[in-house]
Protein backbone atom coordinates (compact mmCIF):
# COMPACT_ATOMS: atom_id res chain seq x y z
CA MET A 1 171.19 101.09 63.48
CA SER A 2 169.58 97.90 62.35
CA GLY A 3 170.48 94.71 64.17
CA ARG A 4 171.24 92.91 60.89
CA ASN A 5 174.95 93.64 60.57
CA THR A 6 175.83 94.03 64.23
CA PRO A 7 176.94 91.08 66.35
CA GLN A 8 174.11 89.42 68.25
CA ASP A 9 174.10 89.48 72.02
CA PRO A 10 173.52 85.87 73.17
CA ASN A 11 171.29 87.14 76.00
CA THR A 12 168.74 88.72 73.67
CA SER A 13 165.73 86.95 72.21
CA GLN A 14 166.68 87.79 68.63
CA GLY A 15 168.68 84.63 68.03
CA THR A 16 166.61 83.77 64.92
CA ALA A 17 167.10 87.17 63.27
CA ASN A 18 169.68 85.71 60.88
CA ALA A 19 167.69 82.56 60.08
CA PRO A 20 166.24 82.35 56.58
CA GLU A 21 162.57 83.23 56.36
CA GLY A 22 161.35 79.79 55.26
CA ALA A 23 163.44 77.80 57.73
CA ARG A 24 161.74 78.87 60.95
CA SER A 25 158.77 76.50 60.86
CA ALA A 26 158.58 72.78 60.30
CA GLY A 27 155.41 73.29 58.26
CA SER A 28 153.20 70.82 60.07
CA TRP A 29 150.49 73.32 61.05
CA PRO A 30 147.74 71.64 58.91
CA LEU A 31 147.76 68.77 61.40
CA VAL A 32 145.61 71.02 63.58
CA LEU A 33 142.76 70.23 61.15
CA LEU A 34 143.80 66.75 60.04
CA LEU A 35 144.31 65.20 63.48
CA PRO A 36 140.75 65.80 64.80
CA SER A 37 139.41 64.60 61.47
CA MET A 38 141.43 61.38 61.70
CA LEU A 39 140.33 60.78 65.29
CA LEU A 40 136.65 61.36 64.51
CA LEU A 41 136.77 58.99 61.56
CA ARG A 42 138.65 56.37 63.54
CA PHE A 43 136.55 56.28 66.69
CA LEU A 44 133.14 57.71 65.70
CA GLY A 45 133.09 57.16 61.94
CA GLU A 46 129.89 55.09 62.02
CA HIS A 47 127.88 58.14 63.10
CA SER A 48 126.83 60.43 60.28
CA TRP A 49 127.43 63.62 62.31
CA ALA A 50 131.03 62.55 63.03
CA TYR A 51 131.60 61.66 59.38
CA TRP A 52 130.39 65.05 58.17
CA THR A 53 132.26 66.93 60.88
CA ALA A 54 135.42 65.07 59.92
CA ALA A 55 134.80 65.91 56.26
CA VAL A 56 134.31 69.60 57.09
CA LEU A 57 137.58 69.62 59.04
CA GLY A 58 139.45 67.30 56.69
CA VAL A 59 138.90 69.01 53.35
CA PRO A 60 140.38 72.38 54.42
CA GLY A 61 143.11 70.40 56.21
CA LEU A 62 143.96 68.64 52.93
CA VAL A 63 144.14 71.96 51.09
CA ALA A 64 146.33 73.42 53.85
CA ALA A 65 148.52 70.29 53.72
CA ALA A 66 149.03 70.80 49.99
CA VAL A 67 150.16 74.38 50.63
CA ALA A 68 152.45 73.30 53.48
CA LEU A 69 153.92 70.50 51.34
CA THR A 70 155.01 73.04 48.75
CA GLY A 71 156.76 74.94 51.54
CA CYS A 72 158.44 71.73 52.71
CA LEU A 73 159.60 70.99 49.18
CA ARG A 74 160.93 74.53 48.84
CA ASN A 75 162.89 74.12 52.07
CA LEU A 76 164.27 70.78 50.85
CA VAL A 77 165.38 72.27 47.53
CA ARG A 78 167.02 75.26 49.23
CA GLY A 79 168.63 73.10 51.89
CA HIS A 80 166.98 74.88 54.85
CA ARG A 81 166.69 72.32 57.66
CA PRO A 82 166.24 69.37 55.29
CA TRP A 83 165.51 66.79 58.01
CA ASN A 84 162.75 68.92 59.54
CA ALA A 85 161.25 69.63 56.13
CA ALA A 86 161.37 65.96 55.13
CA GLY A 87 159.83 64.85 58.42
CA ALA A 88 157.03 67.40 58.21
CA GLY A 89 156.39 66.47 54.59
CA LEU A 90 156.16 62.75 55.37
CA LEU A 91 153.88 63.48 58.32
CA LEU A 92 151.56 65.58 56.16
CA ILE A 93 151.50 63.01 53.37
CA GLY A 94 150.68 60.24 55.83
CA ALA A 95 147.93 62.18 57.58
CA SER A 96 146.41 63.25 54.27
CA PHE A 97 146.44 59.66 53.04
CA VAL A 98 144.70 58.40 56.19
CA VAL A 99 141.99 61.07 56.00
CA VAL A 100 141.29 60.42 52.32
CA VAL A 101 141.17 56.64 52.79
CA ARG A 102 138.86 56.90 55.78
CA LEU A 103 136.53 59.34 54.00
CA VAL A 104 136.35 57.18 50.87
CA GLU A 105 135.98 53.88 52.72
CA ARG A 106 132.61 54.79 54.22
């Protein structure tokens, strides 16, 4: 028997089994790359090693943010956790903007 059509026991850890596939994550995982890049550019941006390290972390972070933004938009269109998707999307747009401005300003 699959657990799909049977009632869920509240004591089990399968409480998210009925959640839609795209609605489980907020989609802000690219911040793992963007946040260190922003901090390096903010505090150590005058050093060339910090600038290049931030660029190496920031460019893949920007690409990952573009992919995550499409997931956020998909969740918004489908109505899956719209406030979480909108918040994650705004956070990714803001972080991407800061990284690009800091990289270009030097």
